Amino acid sequence: MKLLNQSDPGNDATLIADAVKGNLDAFNQLVVKYQNMAYGHAYALVGDPDTAADITQESFLKVYQNLVQFHGGSFRAWLMRIVTNTSYDLLRNFRKHPTQPLFPVDDYGEELESISWVADPEAGVETIFDRKQTAERLLQALDELPVNYRSILTLIDLYELDYSEATQILNIPIGTVKSRLSRARLCMQNKIKSDDNVFLPKAACAIAV
């Protein structure tokens, strides 16, 4: 299984300590290391590439401004929690002041148009599907997942964070993390029938918990 982001807590701690002292190069190394992960998660939450890029930039600015408040543990979980909160803040503000949807939806809140999946789908979900499934159809299935399912698969299957990090990022109990991940994986299985490659209706994945 291919890792999209390798986590090295020891090296992160050194970079963080240097960044707190004002070493911008050390902070930039953290940005380079985690920017793809941050963008991928933001994109899974909001479904728009430009908005996800803005969220990623704003999140790293918040990280830099509050780095002194980080007191150890998983830096990537702390970062991704900031990305999550920034994304949710934007979505809440959008609901209060709607202009146009981040992505088109029908009367049931389902996406009308497919959006691209920014991460390598074979990183984690390859264990769910037969390898004969084409990447294009797999991407289509991922695109159609509810946001909560896309989010949990991004964190755990694609970026290989552990359950404890996911609980910190999503602010949900570990039991909910496990059940949501199980439902998301099952939903993916149900979307593609390995024998005849026929997609099941989106309604099968309409409820995200």
Protein backbone atom coordinates (compact mmCIF):
# COMPACT_ATOMS: atom_id res chain seq x y z
CA MET A 1 0.00 0.00 0.00
CA LYS A 2 1.38 3.37 -1.02
CA LEU A 3 1.57 6.09 1.61
CA LEU A 4 0.64 9.56 0.41
CA ASN A 5 2.16 11.29 3.43
CA GLN A 6 4.75 9.81 5.75
CA SER A 7 4.56 11.07 9.32
CA ASP A 8 7.78 11.48 11.30
CA PRO A 9 6.86 12.85 14.76
CA GLY A 10 10.50 13.27 15.74
CA ASN A 11 11.35 15.33 12.70
CA ASP A 12 8.10 17.30 13.04
CA ALA A 13 9.00 18.18 16.64
CA THR A 14 12.37 19.53 15.52
CA LEU A 15 10.84 21.57 12.71
CA ILE A 16 8.13 22.92 15.02
CA ALA A 17 10.65 23.92 17.68
CA ASP A 18 12.72 25.73 15.06
CA ALA A 19 9.66 27.37 13.53
CA VAL A 20 8.52 28.67 16.93
CA LYS A 21 11.93 30.32 17.23
CA GLY A 22 11.28 32.15 13.96
CA ASN A 23 12.90 29.79 11.48
CA LEU A 24 10.69 30.24 8.40
CA ASP A 25 12.56 27.55 6.48
CA ALA A 26 11.56 25.01 9.13
CA PHE A 27 7.92 26.05 8.88
CA ASN A 28 8.07 25.91 5.09
CA GLN A 29 9.30 22.32 5.36
CA LEU A 30 6.17 21.51 7.38
CA VAL A 31 4.04 23.18 4.74
CA VAL A 32 5.66 21.21 1.92
CA LYS A 33 5.31 17.99 3.87
CA TYR A 34 1.61 18.34 4.65
CA GLN A 35 0.12 20.68 2.05
CA ASN A 36 -1.17 17.90 -0.20
CA MET A 37 -2.83 16.16 2.71
CA ALA A 38 -4.41 19.42 3.90
CA TYR A 39 -5.64 20.28 0.41
CA GLY A 40 -7.01 16.79 -0.17
CA HIS A 41 -9.02 16.87 3.04
CA ALA A 42 -10.33 20.38 2.39
CA TYR A 43 -11.34 19.34 -1.10
CA ALA A 44 -13.17 16.29 0.23
CA LEU A 45 -15.14 18.59 2.54
CA VAL A 46 -16.03 21.46 0.20
CA GLY A 47 -15.80 19.90 -3.26
CA ASP A 48 -14.31 22.92 -5.00
CA PRO A 49 -10.59 23.14 -5.95
CA ASP A 50 -10.21 26.90 -5.63
CA THR A 51 -12.02 27.01 -2.31
CA ALA A 52 -9.96 24.08 -1.04
CA ALA A 53 -6.77 25.92 -2.01
CA ASP A 54 -7.93 29.01 -0.10
CA ILE A 55 -8.79 26.88 2.93
CA THR A 56 -5.38 25.23 2.82
CA GLN A 57 -3.60 28.59 2.69
CA GLU A 58 -5.72 30.03 5.50
CA SER A 59 -5.20 26.91 7.62
CA PHE A 60 -1.42 27.09 7.38
CA LEU A 61 -1.58 30.77 8.29
CA LYS A 62 -3.56 29.81 11.42
CA VAL A 63 -1.01 27.09 12.17
CA TYR A 64 1.84 29.59 11.94
CA GLN A 65 0.04 32.10 14.12
CA ASN A 66 -0.80 29.51 16.79
CA LEU A 67 2.20 27.20 16.58
CA VAL A 68 3.36 28.19 20.04
CA GLN A 69 0.13 26.66 21.38
CA PHE A 70 1.00 23.22 20.01
CA HIS A 71 2.23 21.17 22.95
CA GLY A 72 3.07 17.86 21.36
CA GLY A 73 1.16 14.87 20.10
CA SER A 74 0.26 14.38 16.45
CA PHE A 75 1.04 17.55 14.51
CA ARG A 76 -0.75 16.31 11.41
CA ALA A 77 -3.90 15.64 13.45
CA TRP A 78 -3.71 19.15 14.92
CA LEU A 79 -3.21 20.60 11.43
CA MET A 80 -6.05 18.60 9.92
CA ARG A 81 -8.35 19.65 12.75
CA ILE A 82 -7.64 23.27 11.80
CA VAL A 83 -8.35 22.44 8.15
CA THR A 84 -11.62 20.78 9.17
CA ASN A 85 -12.74 23.71 11.33
CA THR A 86 -11.79 26.22 8.63
CA SER A 87 -13.77 24.23 6.07
CA TYR A 88 -16.82 23.96 8.32
CA ASP A 89 -16.64 27.68 9.13
CA LEU A 90 -16.75 28.43 5.42
CA LEU A 91 -19.65 26.05 4.85
CA ARG A 92 -21.61 27.51 7.76
CA ASN A 93 -21.04 31.01 6.43
CA PHE A 94 -22.10 29.87 2.99
CA ARG A 95 -25.37 28.50 4.36
CA LYS A 96 -26.06 31.85 6.04
CA HIS A 97 -25.22 33.82 2.89
CA PRO A 98 -25.86 31.53 -0.08
CA THR A 99 -24.94 32.72 -3.55
CA GLN A 100 -24.38 29.63 -5.64
CA PRO A 101 -23.61 26.06 -4.61
CA LEU A 102 -20.03 24.89 -4.25
CA PHE A 103 -21.18 21.97 -6.40
CA PRO A 104 -24.60 21.42 -8.02
CA VAL A 105 -27.11 19.35 -6.08
CA ASP A 106 -30.59 18.03 -6.77
CA ASP A 107 -33.68 18.31 -4.57
CA TYR A 108 -32.34 15.56 -2.32
CA GLY A 109 -28.95 17.18 -1.75
CA GLU A 110 -27.16 14.80 -4.09
CA GLU A 111 -24.45 16.04 -6.46
CA LEU A 112 -25.52 16.49 -10.06
CA GLU A 113 -22.02 16.75 -11.46
CA SER A 114 -19.01 14.64 -10.63
CA ILE A 115 -16.02 16.30 -9.00
CA SER A 116 -12.45 15.11 -9.30
CA TRP A 117 -10.85 13.05 -6.52
CA VAL A 118 -7.53 14.70 -5.79
CA ALA A 119 -5.80 11.77 -4.11
CA ASP A 120 -4.52 8.51 -5.54
CA PRO A 121 -7.49 6.13 -5.14
CA GLU A 122 -5.27 3.07 -5.03
CA ALA A 123 -3.64 4.21 -1.79
CA GLY A 124 -6.24 2.67 0.47
CA VAL A 125 -9.41 1.63 -1.31
CA GLU A 126 -7.54 -0.93 -3.38
CA THR A 127 -8.17 -3.33 -0.51
CA ILE A 128 -11.92 -2.85 -1.01
CA PHE A 129 -12.20 -3.43 -4.72
CA ASP A 130 -10.98 -6.00 -7.15
CA ARG A 131 -7.89 -4.64 -8.91
CA LYS A 132 -9.63 -5.13 -12.25
CA GLN A 133 -11.86 -2.13 -11.59
CA THR A 134 -10.83 0.81 -13.75
CA ALA A 135 -9.57 3.99 -12.11
CA GLU A 136 -12.21 6.05 -13.88
CA ARG A 137 -15.12 4.09 -12.43
CA LEU A 138 -13.50 4.06 -9.02
CA LEU A 139 -13.13 7.83 -9.11
CA GLN A 140 -16.76 8.15 -10.10
CA ALA A 141 -17.81 6.08 -7.10
CA LEU A 142 -15.67 8.18 -4.76
CA ASP A 143 -17.10 11.38 -6.19
CA GLU A 144 -20.62 10.26 -5.38
CA LEU A 145 -20.01 9.57 -1.70
CA PRO A 146 -21.55 11.92 0.89
CA VAL A 147 -19.06 14.37 2.36
CA ASN A 148 -18.69 12.51 5.66
CA TYR A 149 -17.74 9.34 3.83
CA ARG A 150 -15.31 11.09 1.50
CA SER A 151 -13.73 12.74 4.52
CA ILE A 152 -13.21 9.56 6.54
CA LEU A 153 -11.83 7.67 3.55
CA THR A 154 -9.48 10.55 2.80
CA LEU A 155 -8.11 10.55 6.33
CA ILE A 156 -7.81 6.85 7.04
CA ASP A 157 -7.67 4.93 3.76
CA LEU A 158 -5.86 7.46 1.60
CA TYR A 159 -3.62 9.25 4.09
CA GLU A 160 -3.44 6.39 6.59
CA LEU A 161 -4.08 8.36 9.76
CA ASP A 162 -4.99 6.24 12.74
CA TYR A 163 -8.34 6.21 14.53
CA SER A 164 -7.16 8.40 17.40
CA GLU A 165 -6.02 11.08 14.94
CA ALA A 166 -9.33 10.90 13.10
CA THR A 167 -11.25 11.41 16.35
CA GLN A 168 -9.17 14.52 17.04
CA ILE A 169 -9.64 15.88 13.53
CA LEU A 170 -13.36 15.21 13.17
CA ASN A 171 -14.25 15.70 16.85
CA ILE A 172 -16.26 12.50 17.01
CA PRO A 173 -15.88 9.43 19.27
CA ILE A 174 -13.66 6.58 18.12
CA GLY A 175 -16.72 4.34 17.88
CA THR A 176 -18.27 6.76 15.40
CA VAL A 177 -15.02 6.85 13.42
CA LYS A 178 -15.04 3.07 13.13
CA SER A 179 -18.72 2.80 12.24
CA ARG A 180 -18.53 5.66 9.72
CA LEU A 181 -15.47 4.14 8.06
CA SER A 182 -17.17 0.76 7.90
CA ARG A 183 -20.26 2.31 6.32
CA ALA A 184 -18.15 4.28 3.85
CA ARG A 185 -16.24 1.19 2.76
CA LEU A 186 -19.47 -0.80 2.46
CA CYS A 187 -20.98 2.03 0.46
CA MET A 188 -18.03 1.88 -1.92
CA GLN A 189 -18.41 -1.87 -2.26
CA ASN A 190 -22.08 -1.48 -3.08
CA LYS A 191 -21.42 1.16 -5.70
CA ILE A 192 -19.52 -1.14 -7.98
CA LYS A 193 -20.53 -4.71 -8.63
CA SER A 194 -17.31 -6.49 -9.47
CA ASP A 195 -18.91 -9.03 -11.76
CA ASP A 196 -20.64 -6.73 -14.25
CA ASN A 197 -19.35 -3.24 -13.32
CA VAL A 198 -22.88 -1.92 -12.86
CA PHE A 199 -23.20 1.03 -10.51
CA LEU A 200 -25.86 0.93 -7.83
CA PRO A 201 -28.09 3.97 -7.20
CA LYS A 202 -26.64 6.89 -5.25
CA ALA A 203 -29.47 6.53 -2.75
CA ALA A 204 -27.68 3.51 -1.32
CA CYS A 205 -25.13 5.92 0.18
CA ALA A 206 -27.41 8.83 0.98
CA ILE A 207 -27.19 8.58 4.77
CA ALA A 208 -23.84 9.61 6.28
CA VAL A 209 -23.43 9.25 10.02
